[in-house]
Amino acid sequence: MVGIFFEKHVCKSPWPKVTETSFAAMMQHTTMYHTMNGPSEFTITGMLKSWSCLDQIHTITTPTLLTNGRLHESFFQRIPHVKWAQSLQRHMPFLEKEEDQTRYLQVVTDFLTCA
């Protein structure tokens, strides 16, 4: 079940080496993940379970780049000086298809050079 969830929402299979390495390290050192999230994506019991900053994001005054995947909820309208870019991919467009990597890096570069 976790594999299906990750395939749909996180990153396509096969995972890039950097993603495999990151998740392997997280599984070896689980203290932070368990403290913040809980035992899994499906059993959220950690500190993030009831945490939200959505009632405060309207106070952000710094130019902000917000990127999200096609299936993610977006709240960009609530941030005054936001540049919003939505990916057609999942949670990690910068690690999936080469054209998505190129687009993502161009969005970040444009934001940093024009902000």
PDB file of N, CA and C in Angstrom:
ATOM      1  N   MET A   1       0.816  -1.192   0.000  1.00  0.00           N
ATOM      2  CA  MET A   1       0.000   0.000   0.000  1.00  0.00           C
ATOM      3  C   MET A   1       0.866   1.266   0.000  1.00  0.00           C
ATOM      4  N   VAL A   2       1.939   1.294   0.789  1.00  0.00           N
ATOM      5  CA  VAL A   2       2.819   2.448   0.846  1.00  0.00           C
ATOM      6  C   VAL A   2       3.436   2.696  -0.522  1.00  0.00           C
ATOM      7  N   GLY A   3       3.825   1.633  -1.229  1.00  0.00           N
ATOM      8  CA  GLY A   3       4.412   1.775  -2.556  1.00  0.00           C
ATOM      9  C   GLY A   3       3.457   2.433  -3.535  1.00  0.00           C
ATOM     10  N   ILE A   4       2.204   2.061  -3.498  1.00  0.00           N
ATOM     11  CA  ILE A   4       1.194   2.651  -4.380  1.00  0.00           C
ATOM     12  C   ILE A   4       1.004   4.123  -4.043  1.00  0.00           C
ATOM     13  N   PHE A   5       0.936   4.435  -2.758  1.00  0.00           N
ATOM     14  CA  PHE A   5       0.796   5.827  -2.306  1.00  0.00           C
ATOM     15  C   PHE A   5       1.978   6.669  -2.788  1.00  0.00           C
ATOM     16  N   PHE A   6       3.194   6.175  -2.583  1.00  0.00           N
ATOM     17  CA  PHE A   6       4.382   6.928  -2.979  1.00  0.00           C
ATOM     18  C   PHE A   6       4.448   7.099  -4.499  1.00  0.00           C
ATOM     19  N   GLU A   7       4.063   6.055  -5.247  1.00  0.00           N
ATOM     20  CA  GLU A   7       4.065   6.135  -6.708  1.00  0.00           C
ATOM     21  C   GLU A   7       3.101   7.221  -7.187  1.00  0.00           C
ATOM     22  N   LYS A   8       1.950   7.311  -6.552  1.00  0.00           N
ATOM     23  CA  LYS A   8       0.943   8.290  -6.967  1.00  0.00           C
ATOM     24  C   LYS A   8       1.265   9.706  -6.496  1.00  0.00           C
ATOM     25  N   HIS A   9       1.784   9.849  -5.277  1.00  0.00           N
ATOM     26  CA  HIS A   9       1.894  11.171  -4.668  1.00  0.00           C
ATOM     27  C   HIS A   9       3.320  11.690  -4.473  1.00  0.00           C
ATOM     28  N   VAL A  10       4.326  10.832  -4.448  1.00  0.00           N
ATOM     29  CA  VAL A  10       5.675  11.287  -4.108  1.00  0.00           C
ATOM     30  C   VAL A  10       6.578  11.312  -5.331  1.00  0.00           C
ATOM     31  N   CYS A  11       6.877  10.156  -5.894  1.00  0.00           N
ATOM     32  CA  CYS A  11       7.816  10.095  -7.010  1.00  0.00           C
ATOM     33  C   CYS A  11       7.569   8.814  -7.792  1.00  0.00           C
ATOM     34  N   LYS A  12       7.689   8.914  -9.114  1.00  0.00           N
ATOM     35  CA  LYS A  12       7.463   7.735  -9.958  1.00  0.00           C
ATOM     36  C   LYS A  12       8.528   6.669  -9.703  1.00  0.00           C
ATOM     37  N   SER A  13       8.215   5.457 -10.084  1.00  0.00           N
ATOM     38  CA  SER A  13       9.174   4.363  -9.992  1.00  0.00           C
ATOM     39  C   SER A  13       9.844   4.182 -11.340  1.00  0.00           C
ATOM     40  N   PRO A  14      11.057   3.740 -11.403  1.00  0.00           N
ATOM     41  CA  PRO A  14      11.955   3.551 -10.259  1.00  0.00           C
ATOM     42  C   PRO A  14      12.425   4.901  -9.727  1.00  0.00           C
ATOM     43  N   TRP A  15      12.663   4.943  -8.432  1.00  0.00           N
ATOM     44  CA  TRP A  15      13.102   6.180  -7.802  1.00  0.00           C
ATOM     45  C   TRP A  15      14.521   6.523  -8.243  1.00  0.00           C
ATOM     46  N   PRO A  16      14.783   7.808  -8.389  1.00  0.00           N
ATOM     47  CA  PRO A  16      16.170   8.215  -8.633  1.00  0.00           C
ATOM     48  C   PRO A  16      17.041   7.815  -7.438  1.00  0.00           C
ATOM     49  N   LYS A  17      18.310   7.595  -7.691  1.00  0.00           N
ATOM     50  CA  LYS A  17      19.250   7.152  -6.650  1.00  0.00           C
ATOM     51  C   LYS A  17      19.223   8.079  -5.434  1.00  0.00           C
ATOM     52  N   VAL A  18      19.180   9.397  -5.656  1.00  0.00           N
ATOM     53  CA  VAL A  18      19.186  10.344  -4.535  1.00  0.00           C
ATOM     54  C   VAL A  18      17.947  10.159  -3.645  1.00  0.00           C
ATOM     55  N   THR A  19      16.815   9.817  -4.231  1.00  0.00           N
ATOM     56  CA  THR A  19      15.596   9.583  -3.450  1.00  0.00           C
ATOM     57  C   THR A  19      15.733   8.302  -2.642  1.00  0.00           C
ATOM     58  N   GLU A  20      16.240   7.248  -3.260  1.00  0.00           N
ATOM     59  CA  GLU A  20      16.464   5.990  -2.542  1.00  0.00           C
ATOM     60  C   GLU A  20      17.409   6.196  -1.363  1.00  0.00           C
ATOM     61  N   THR A  21      18.491   6.933  -1.594  1.00  0.00           N
ATOM     62  CA  THR A  21      19.473   7.203  -0.541  1.00  0.00           C
ATOM     63  C   THR A  21      18.855   7.984   0.605  1.00  0.00           C
ATOM     64  N   SER A  22      18.059   9.000   0.273  1.00  0.00           N
ATOM     65  CA  SER A  22      17.419   9.821   1.306  1.00  0.00           C
ATOM     66  C   SER A  22      16.451   9.007   2.157  1.00  0.00           C
ATOM     67  N   PHE A  23      15.608   8.210   1.495  1.00  0.00           N
ATOM     68  CA  PHE A  23      14.641   7.409   2.244  1.00  0.00           C
ATOM     69  C   PHE A  23      15.335   6.316   3.065  1.00  0.00           C
ATOM     70  N   ALA A  24      16.403   5.753   2.537  1.00  0.00           N
ATOM     71  CA  ALA A  24      17.158   4.735   3.290  1.00  0.00           C
ATOM     72  C   ALA A  24      17.749   5.353   4.558  1.00  0.00           C
ATOM     73  N   ALA A  25      18.299   6.558   4.436  1.00  0.00           N
ATOM     74  CA  ALA A  25      18.864   7.244   5.608  1.00  0.00           C
ATOM     75  C   ALA A  25      17.772   7.555   6.616  1.00  0.00           C
ATOM     76  N   MET A  26      16.610   7.985   6.135  1.00  0.00           N
ATOM     77  CA  MET A  26      15.501   8.283   7.030  1.00  0.00           C
ATOM     78  C   MET A  26      15.050   7.022   7.787  1.00  0.00           C
ATOM     79  N   MET A  27      15.069   5.881   7.114  1.00  0.00           N
ATOM     80  CA  MET A  27      14.656   4.631   7.756  1.00  0.00           C
ATOM     81  C   MET A  27      15.686   4.149   8.775  1.00  0.00           C
ATOM     82  N   GLN A  28      16.950   4.521   8.601  1.00  0.00           N
ATOM     83  CA  GLN A  28      17.989   4.158   9.571  1.00  0.00           C
ATOM     84  C   GLN A  28      17.936   5.052  10.803  1.00  0.00           C
ATOM     85  N   HIS A  29      17.546   6.290  10.599  1.00  0.00           N
ATOM     86  CA  HIS A  29      17.515   7.277  11.687  1.00  0.00           C
ATOM     87  C   HIS A  29      16.116   7.867  11.749  1.00  0.00           C
ATOM     88  N   THR A  30      15.225   7.155  12.438  1.00  0.00           N
ATOM     89  CA  THR A  30      13.802   7.478  12.386  1.00  0.00           C
ATOM     90  C   THR A  30      13.332   8.471  13.454  1.00  0.00           C
ATOM     91  N   THR A  31      14.195   8.889  14.350  1.00  0.00           N
ATOM     92  CA  THR A  31      13.767   9.725  15.468  1.00  0.00           C
ATOM     93  C   THR A  31      13.033  10.981  15.008  1.00  0.00           C
ATOM     94  N   MET A  32      13.603  11.721  14.089  1.00  0.00           N
ATOM     95  CA  MET A  32      12.986  12.969  13.647  1.00  0.00           C
ATOM     96  C   MET A  32      11.666  12.712  12.937  1.00  0.00           C
ATOM     97  N   TYR A  33      11.645  11.752  12.038  1.00  0.00           N
ATOM     98  CA  TYR A  33      10.419  11.440  11.299  1.00  0.00           C
ATOM     99  C   TYR A  33       9.309  11.027  12.254  1.00  0.00           C
ATOM    100  N   HIS A  34       9.619  10.145  13.180  1.00  0.00           N
ATOM    101  CA  HIS A  34       8.603   9.689  14.134  1.00  0.00           C
ATOM    102  C   HIS A  34       8.143  10.814  15.054  1.00  0.00           C
ATOM    103  N   THR A  35       9.053  11.690  15.450  1.00  0.00           N
ATOM    104  CA  THR A  35       8.685  12.812  16.312  1.00  0.00           C
ATOM    105  C   THR A  35       7.761  13.775  15.571  1.00  0.00           C
ATOM    106  N   MET A  36       8.101  14.084  14.333  1.00  0.00           N
ATOM    107  CA  MET A  36       7.322  15.066  13.586  1.00  0.00           C
ATOM    108  C   MET A  36       6.059  14.469  12.957  1.00  0.00           C
ATOM    109  N   ASN A  37       6.153  13.259  12.414  1.00  0.00           N
ATOM    110  CA  ASN A  37       5.057  12.684  11.648  1.00  0.00           C
ATOM    111  C   ASN A  37       4.342  11.542  12.369  1.00  0.00           C
ATOM    112  N   GLY A  38       5.093  10.610  12.884  1.00  0.00           N
ATOM    113  CA  GLY A  38       4.523   9.400  13.466  1.00  0.00           C
ATOM    114  C   GLY A  38       5.107   8.192  12.765  1.00  0.00           C
ATOM    115  N   PRO A  39       4.524   7.010  12.965  1.00  0.00           N
ATOM    116  CA  PRO A  39       5.110   5.790  12.416  1.00  0.00           C
ATOM    117  C   PRO A  39       5.011   5.649  10.899  1.00  0.00           C
ATOM    118  N   SER A  40       4.057   6.333  10.246  1.00  0.00           N
ATOM    119  CA  SER A  40       3.932   6.203   8.792  1.00  0.00           C
ATOM    120  C   SER A  40       3.103   7.357   8.230  1.00  0.00           C
ATOM    121  N   GLU A  41       3.012   7.388   6.908  1.00  0.00           N
ATOM    122  CA  GLU A  41       2.188   8.390   6.229  1.00  0.00           C
ATOM    123  C   GLU A  41       0.710   8.191   6.551  1.00  0.00           C
ATOM    124  N   PHE A  42       0.344   7.007   6.996  1.00  0.00           N
ATOM    125  CA  PHE A  42      -1.054   6.677   7.234  1.00  0.00           C
ATOM    126  C   PHE A  42      -1.452   6.760   8.703  1.00  0.00           C
ATOM    127  N   THR A  43      -0.468   6.871   9.583  1.00  0.00           N
ATOM    128  CA  THR A  43      -0.735   6.975  11.011  1.00  0.00           C
ATOM    129  C   THR A  43       0.017   8.183  11.543  1.00  0.00           C
ATOM    130  N   ILE A  44      -0.558   9.354  11.347  1.00  0.00           N
ATOM    131  CA  ILE A  44       0.103  10.585  11.759  1.00  0.00           C
ATOM    132  C   ILE A  44      -0.270  10.879  13.201  1.00  0.00           C
ATOM    133  N   THR A  45       0.732  10.736  14.064  1.00  0.00           N
ATOM    134  CA  THR A  45       0.520  10.959  15.498  1.00  0.00           C
ATOM    135  C   THR A  45       1.525  11.961  16.056  1.00  0.00           C
ATOM    136  N   GLY A  46       2.446  12.417  15.213  1.00  0.00           N
ATOM    137  CA  GLY A  46       3.519  13.298  15.665  1.00  0.00           C
ATOM    138  C   GLY A  46       3.083  14.745  15.805  1.00  0.00           C
ATOM    139  N   MET A  47       4.069  15.612  15.992  1.00  0.00           N
ATOM    140  CA  MET A  47       3.835  17.026  16.234  1.00  0.00           C
ATOM    141  C   MET A  47       3.118  17.715  15.071  1.00  0.00           C
ATOM    142  N   LEU A  48       3.259  17.198  13.876  1.00  0.00           N
ATOM    143  CA  LEU A  48       2.629  17.827  12.714  1.00  0.00           C
ATOM    144  C   LEU A  48       1.153  17.477  12.546  1.00  0.00           C
ATOM    145  N   LYS A  49       0.651  16.568  13.360  1.00  0.00           N
ATOM    146  CA  LYS A  49      -0.734  16.117  13.212  1.00  0.00           C
ATOM    147  C   LYS A  49      -1.720  17.281  13.241  1.00  0.00           C
ATOM    148  N   SER A  50      -1.552  18.190  14.157  1.00  0.00           N
ATOM    149  CA  SER A  50      -2.507  19.295  14.277  1.00  0.00           C
ATOM    150  C   SER A  50      -1.870  20.654  13.991  1.00  0.00           C
ATOM    151  N   TRP A  51      -0.634  20.650  13.462  1.00  0.00           N
ATOM    152  CA  TRP A  51       0.063  21.900  13.196  1.00  0.00           C
ATOM    153  C   TRP A  51      -0.402  22.510  11.885  1.00  0.00           C
ATOM    154  N   SER A  52      -0.601  23.800  11.875  1.00  0.00           N
ATOM    155  CA  SER A  52      -0.934  24.527  10.661  1.00  0.00           C
ATOM    156  C   SER A  52      -0.517  25.981  10.820  1.00  0.00           C
ATOM    157  N   CYS A  53      -0.121  26.572   9.732  1.00  0.00           N
ATOM    158  CA  CYS A  53       0.214  28.002   9.732  1.00  0.00           C
ATOM    159  C   CYS A  53      -0.677  28.759   8.749  1.00  0.00           C
ATOM    160  N   LEU A  54      -1.696  28.097   8.237  1.00  0.00           N
ATOM    161  CA  LEU A  54      -2.533  28.707   7.210  1.00  0.00           C
ATOM    162  C   LEU A  54      -3.214  29.985   7.678  1.00  0.00           C
ATOM    163  N   ASP A  55      -3.490  30.093   8.965  1.00  0.00           N
ATOM    164  CA  ASP A  55      -4.128  31.309   9.477  1.00  0.00           C
ATOM    165  C   ASP A  55      -3.145  32.477   9.583  1.00  0.00           C
ATOM    166  N   GLN A  56      -1.857  32.220   9.341  1.00  0.00           N
ATOM    167  CA  GLN A  56      -0.844  33.266   9.461  1.00  0.00           C
ATOM    168  C   GLN A  56      -0.134  33.596   8.143  1.00  0.00           C
ATOM    169  N   ILE A  57      -0.324  32.816   7.109  1.00  0.00           N
ATOM    170  CA  ILE A  57       0.472  33.017   5.899  1.00  0.00           C
ATOM    171  C   ILE A  57       0.160  34.324   5.189  1.00  0.00           C
ATOM    172  N   HIS A  58      -0.975  34.921   5.471  1.00  0.00           N
ATOM    173  CA  HIS A  58      -1.290  36.209   4.861  1.00  0.00           C
ATOM    174  C   HIS A  58      -0.360  37.326   5.358  1.00  0.00           C
ATOM    175  N   THR A  59       0.381  37.048   6.425  1.00  0.00           N
ATOM    176  CA  THR A  59       1.293  38.055   6.983  1.00  0.00           C
ATOM    177  C   THR A  59       2.700  37.992   6.379  1.00  0.00           C
ATOM    178  N   ILE A  60       2.946  37.039   5.484  1.00  0.00           N
ATOM    179  CA  ILE A  60       4.258  36.932   4.836  1.00  0.00           C
ATOM    180  C   ILE A  60       4.446  38.150   3.936  1.00  0.00           C
ATOM    181  N   THR A  61       5.532  38.872   4.146  1.00  0.00           N
ATOM    182  CA  THR A  61       5.775  40.085   3.362  1.00  0.00           C
ATOM    183  C   THR A  61       6.921  39.920   2.361  1.00  0.00           C
ATOM    184  N   THR A  62       7.649  38.857   2.451  1.00  0.00           N
ATOM    185  CA  THR A  62       8.776  38.588   1.566  1.00  0.00           C
ATOM    186  C   THR A  62       8.278  37.909   0.289  1.00  0.00           C
ATOM    187  N   PRO A  63       8.826  38.273  -0.874  1.00  0.00           N
ATOM    188  CA  PRO A  63       8.459  37.536  -2.085  1.00  0.00           C
ATOM    189  C   PRO A  63       8.681  36.035  -1.855  1.00  0.00           C
ATOM    190  N   THR A  64       7.705  35.244  -2.249  1.00  0.00           N
ATOM    191  CA  THR A  64       7.683  33.821  -1.921  1.00  0.00           C
ATOM    192  C   THR A  64       7.440  32.990  -3.174  1.00  0.00           C
ATOM    193  N   LEU A  65       8.234  31.948  -3.353  1.00  0.00           N
ATOM    194  CA  LEU A  65       8.006  30.993  -4.433  1.00  0.00           C
ATOM    195  C   LEU A  65       7.328  29.775  -3.832  1.00  0.00           C
ATOM    196  N   LEU A  66       6.179  29.431  -4.370  1.00  0.00           N
ATOM    197  CA  LEU A  66       5.438  28.267  -3.908  1.00  0.00           C
ATOM    198  C   LEU A  66       5.272  27.322  -5.081  1.00  0.00           C
ATOM    199  N   THR A  67       5.765  26.105  -4.929  1.00  0.00           N
ATOM    200  CA  THR A  67       5.589  25.082  -5.957  1.00  0.00           C
ATOM    201  C   THR A  67       4.805  23.932  -5.350  1.00  0.00           C
ATOM    202  N   ASN A  68       3.981  23.315  -6.164  1.00  0.00           N
ATOM    203  CA  ASN A  68       3.257  22.141  -5.689  1.00  0.00           C
ATOM    204  C   ASN A  68       2.947  21.231  -6.855  1.00  0.00           C
ATOM    205  N   GLY A  69       2.652  19.981  -6.530  1.00  0.00           N
ATOM    206  CA  GLY A  69       2.308  18.994  -7.540  1.00  0.00           C
ATOM    207  C   GLY A  69       0.839  19.081  -7.903  1.00  0.00           C
ATOM    208  N   ARG A  70       0.481  18.393  -8.947  1.00  0.00           N
ATOM    209  CA  ARG A  70      -0.872  18.490  -9.487  1.00  0.00           C
ATOM    210  C   ARG A  70      -1.959  18.006  -8.534  1.00  0.00           C
ATOM    211  N   LEU A  71      -1.623  17.137  -7.607  1.00  0.00           N
ATOM    212  CA  LEU A  71      -2.630  16.595  -6.696  1.00  0.00           C
ATOM    213  C   LEU A  71      -2.595  17.243  -5.308  1.00  0.00           C
ATOM    214  N   HIS A  72      -1.764  18.263  -5.158  1.00  0.00           N
ATOM    215  CA  HIS A  72      -1.640  18.887  -3.847  1.00  0.00           C
ATOM    216  C   HIS A  72      -2.558  20.086  -3.714  1.00  0.00           C
ATOM    217  N   GLU A  73      -3.065  20.272  -2.519  1.00  0.00           N
ATOM    218  CA  GLU A  73      -3.866  21.453  -2.221  1.00  0.00           C
ATOM    219  C   GLU A  73      -2.968  22.682  -2.316  1.00  0.00           C
ATOM    220  N   SER A  74      -3.515  23.748  -2.831  1.00  0.00           N
ATOM    221  CA  SER A  74      -2.729  24.972  -2.915  1.00  0.00           C
ATOM    222  C   SER A  74      -3.401  26.078  -2.113  1.00  0.00           C
ATOM    223  N   PHE A  75      -2.613  26.896  -1.509  1.00  0.00           N
ATOM    224  CA  PHE A  75      -3.103  28.015  -0.710  1.00  0.00           C
ATOM    225  C   PHE A  75      -2.393  29.292  -1.110  1.00  0.00           C
ATOM    226  N   PHE A  76      -1.862  29.300  -2.342  1.00  0.00           N
ATOM    227  CA  PHE A  76      -1.030  30.413  -2.784  1.00  0.00           C
ATOM    228  C   PHE A  76      -1.769  31.753  -2.765  1.00  0.00           C
ATOM    229  N   GLN A  77      -3.084  31.737  -2.932  1.00  0.00           N
ATOM    230  CA  GLN A  77      -3.846  32.977  -2.976  1.00  0.00           C
ATOM    231  C   GLN A  77      -3.750  33.760  -1.667  1.00  0.00           C
ATOM    232  N   ARG A  78      -3.424  33.090  -0.593  1.00  0.00           N
ATOM    233  CA  ARG A  78      -3.382  33.734   0.726  1.00  0.00           C
ATOM    234  C   ARG A  78      -2.054  34.439   1.012  1.00  0.00           C
ATOM    235  N   ILE A  79      -1.056  34.256   0.156  1.00  0.00           N
ATOM    236  CA  ILE A  79       0.253  34.878   0.371  1.00  0.00           C
ATOM    237  C   ILE A  79       0.347  36.102  -0.545  1.00  0.00           C
ATOM    238  N   PRO A  80       0.558  37.298   0.041  1.00  0.00           N
ATOM    239  CA  PRO A  80       0.511  38.536  -0.748  1.00  0.00           C
ATOM    240  C   PRO A  80       1.467  38.618  -1.946  1.00  0.00           C
ATOM    241  N   HIS A  81       2.721  38.312  -1.784  1.00  0.00           N
ATOM    242  CA  HIS A  81       3.717  38.468  -2.858  1.00  0.00           C
ATOM    243  C   HIS A  81       4.220  37.097  -3.302  1.00  0.00           C
ATOM    244  N   VAL A  82       3.309  36.308  -3.852  1.00  0.00           N
ATOM    245  CA  VAL A  82       3.646  34.930  -4.188  1.00  0.00           C
ATOM    246  C   VAL A  82       3.820  34.744  -5.688  1.00  0.00           C
ATOM    247  N   LYS A  83       4.773  33.905  -6.044  1.00  0.00           N
ATOM    248  CA  LYS A  83       4.897  33.372  -7.398  1.00  0.00           C
ATOM    249  C   LYS A  83       4.572  31.902  -7.253  1.00  0.00           C
ATOM    250  N   TRP A  84       3.538  31.452  -7.957  1.00  0.00           N
ATOM    251  CA  TRP A  84       3.073  30.080  -7.829  1.00  0.00           C
ATOM    252  C   TRP A  84       3.355  29.316  -9.108  1.00  0.00           C
ATOM    253  N   ALA A  85       3.932  28.128  -8.968  1.00  0.00           N
ATOM    254  CA  ALA A  85       4.185  27.252 -10.109  1.00  0.00           C
ATOM    255  C   ALA A  85       3.708  25.850  -9.753  1.00  0.00           C
ATOM    256  N   GLN A  86       2.781  25.350 -10.524  1.00  0.00           N
ATOM    257  CA  GLN A  86       2.270  24.003 -10.277  1.00  0.00           C
ATOM    258  C   GLN A  86       2.889  23.038 -11.272  1.00  0.00           C
ATOM    259  N   SER A  87       3.338  21.920 -10.759  1.00  0.00           N
ATOM    260  CA  SER A  87       3.941  20.876 -11.574  1.00  0.00           C
ATOM    261  C   SER A  87       2.861  19.901 -12.021  1.00  0.00           C
ATOM    262  N   LEU A  88       3.070  19.307 -13.180  1.00  0.00           N
ATOM    263  CA  LEU A  88       2.164  18.261 -13.634  1.00  0.00           C
ATOM    264  C   LEU A  88       2.518  16.926 -12.999  1.00  0.00           C
ATOM    265  N   GLN A  89       3.645  16.883 -12.307  1.00  0.00           N
ATOM    266  CA  GLN A  89       4.108  15.646 -11.691  1.00  0.00           C
ATOM    267  C   GLN A  89       3.672  15.569 -10.227  1.00  0.00           C
ATOM    268  N   ARG A  90       4.342  14.752  -9.472  1.00  0.00           N
ATOM    269  CA  ARG A  90       4.000  14.486  -8.090  1.00  0.00           C
ATOM    270  C   ARG A  90       4.697  15.467  -7.164  1.00  0.00           C
ATOM    271  N   HIS A  91       5.141  14.983  -6.056  1.00  0.00           N
ATOM    272  CA  HIS A  91       5.735  15.788  -4.993  1.00  0.00           C
ATOM    273  C   HIS A  91       7.160  16.239  -5.313  1.00  0.00           C
ATOM    274  N   MET A  92       7.845  15.541  -6.189  1.00  0.00           N
ATOM    275  CA  MET A  92       9.247  15.831  -6.492  1.00  0.00           C
ATOM    276  C   MET A  92       9.475  16.018  -7.986  1.00  0.00           C
ATOM    277  N   PRO A  93       8.921  17.061  -8.600  1.00  0.00           N
ATOM    278  CA  PRO A  93       9.095  17.220 -10.049  1.00  0.00           C
ATOM    279  C   PRO A  93      10.548  17.424 -10.454  1.00  0.00           C
ATOM    280  N   PHE A  94      11.358  17.916  -9.531  1.00  0.00           N
ATOM    281  CA  PHE A  94      12.773  18.152  -9.808  1.00  0.00           C
ATOM    282  C   PHE A  94      13.564  16.863  -9.886  1.00  0.00           C
ATOM    283  N   LEU A  95      12.934  15.723  -9.593  1.00  0.00           N
ATOM    284  CA  LEU A  95      13.630  14.437  -9.655  1.00  0.00           C
ATOM    285  C   LEU A  95      13.003  13.476 -10.669  1.00  0.00           C
ATOM    286  N   GLU A  96      11.981  13.904 -11.359  1.00  0.00           N
ATOM    287  CA  GLU A  96      11.296  12.972 -12.251  1.00  0.00           C
ATOM    288  C   GLU A  96      11.770  13.121 -13.687  1.00  0.00           C
ATOM    289  N   LYS A  97      10.909  13.464 -14.594  1.00  0.00           N
ATOM    290  CA  LYS A  97      11.282  13.567 -16.005  1.00  0.00           C
ATOM    291  C   LYS A  97      12.250  14.722 -16.227  1.00  0.00           C
ATOM    292  N   GLU A  98      13.145  14.546 -17.210  1.00  0.00           N
ATOM    293  CA  GLU A  98      14.152  15.572 -17.474  1.00  0.00           C
ATOM    294  C   GLU A  98      13.517  16.918 -17.811  1.00  0.00           C
ATOM    295  N   GLU A  99      12.433  16.904 -18.586  1.00  0.00           N
ATOM    296  CA  GLU A  99      11.788  18.171 -18.925  1.00  0.00           C
ATOM    297  C   GLU A  99      11.169  18.843 -17.704  1.00  0.00           C
ATOM    298  N   ASP A 100      10.732  18.050 -16.733  1.00  0.00           N
ATOM    299  CA  ASP A 100      10.192  18.609 -15.495  1.00  0.00           C
ATOM    300  C   ASP A 100      11.307  19.193 -14.637  1.00  0.00           C
ATOM    301  N   GLN A 101      12.455  18.524 -14.618  1.00  0.00           N
ATOM    302  CA  GLN A 101      13.623  19.059 -13.906  1.00  0.00           C
ATOM    303  C   GLN A 101      14.020  20.403 -14.498  1.00  0.00           C
ATOM    304  N   THR A 102      14.073  20.458 -15.816  1.00  0.00           N
ATOM    305  CA  THR A 102      14.462  21.689 -16.504  1.00  0.00           C
ATOM    306  C   THR A 102      13.473  22.806 -16.205  1.00  0.00           C
ATOM    307  N   ARG A 103      12.189  22.510 -16.280  1.00  0.00           N
ATOM    308  CA  ARG A 103      11.171  23.526 -15.997  1.00  0.00           C
ATOM    309  C   ARG A 103      11.269  24.001 -14.555  1.00  0.00           C
ATOM    310  N   TYR A 104      11.402  23.056 -13.626  1.00  0.00           N
ATOM    311  CA  TYR A 104      11.492  23.410 -12.209  1.00  0.00           C
ATOM    312  C   TYR A 104      12.691  24.321 -11.940  1.00  0.00           C
ATOM    313  N   LEU A 105      13.841  23.935 -12.453  1.00  0.00           N
ATOM    314  CA  LEU A 105      15.048  24.746 -12.244  1.00  0.00           C
ATOM    315  C   LEU A 105      14.917  26.127 -12.895  1.00  0.00           C
ATOM    316  N   GLN A 106      14.214  26.203 -14.013  1.00  0.00           N
ATOM    317  CA  GLN A 106      14.000  27.499 -14.649  1.00  0.00           C
ATOM    318  C   GLN A 106      13.081  28.380 -13.809  1.00  0.00           C
ATOM    319  N   VAL A 107      12.045  27.805 -13.232  1.00  0.00           N
ATOM    320  CA  VAL A 107      11.139  28.556 -12.349  1.00  0.00           C
ATOM    321  C   VAL A 107      11.901  29.102 -11.156  1.00  0.00           C
ATOM    322  N   VAL A 108      12.726  28.270 -10.522  1.00  0.00           N
ATOM    323  CA  VAL A 108      13.508  28.712  -9.364  1.00  0.00           C
ATOM    324  C   VAL A 108      14.518  29.792  -9.784  1.00  0.00           C
ATOM    325  N   THR A 109      15.197  29.575 -10.894  1.00  0.00           N
ATOM    326  CA  THR A 109      16.182  30.569 -11.375  1.00  0.00           C
ATOM    327  C   THR A 109      15.503  31.903 -11.679  1.00  0.00           C
ATOM    328  N   ASP A 110      14.374  31.855 -12.382  1.00  0.00           N
ATOM    329  CA  ASP A 110      13.661  33.090 -12.695  1.00  0.00           C
ATOM    330  C   ASP A 110      13.224  33.820 -11.434  1.00  0.00           C
ATOM    331  N   PHE A 111      12.758  33.069 -10.459  1.00  0.00           N
ATOM    332  CA  PHE A 111      12.329  33.692  -9.208  1.00  0.00           C
ATOM    333  C   PHE A 111      13.505  34.357  -8.482  1.00  0.00           C
ATOM    334  N   LEU A 112      14.608  33.644  -8.396  1.00  0.00           N
ATOM    335  CA  LEU A 112      15.766  34.172  -7.657  1.00  0.00           C
ATOM    336  C   LEU A 112      16.425  35.352  -8.370  1.00  0.00           C
ATOM    337  N   THR A 113      16.362  35.380  -9.671  1.00  0.00           N
ATOM    338  CA  THR A 113      17.005  36.491 -10.391  1.00  0.00           C
ATOM    339  C   THR A 113      16.082  37.689 -10.570  1.00  0.00           C
ATOM    340  N   CYS A 114      14.788  37.496 -10.368  1.00  0.00           N
ATOM    341  CA  CYS A 114      13.834  38.593 -10.547  1.00  0.00           C
ATOM    342  C   CYS A 114      13.206  39.059  -9.241  1.00  0.00           C
ATOM    343  N   ALA A 115      13.343  38.290  -8.187  1.00  0.00           N
ATOM    344  CA  ALA A 115      12.671  38.623  -6.920  1.00  0.00           C
ATOM    345  C   ALA A 115      13.296  39.820  -6.233  1.00  0.00           C
TER     346      ALA A 115
END
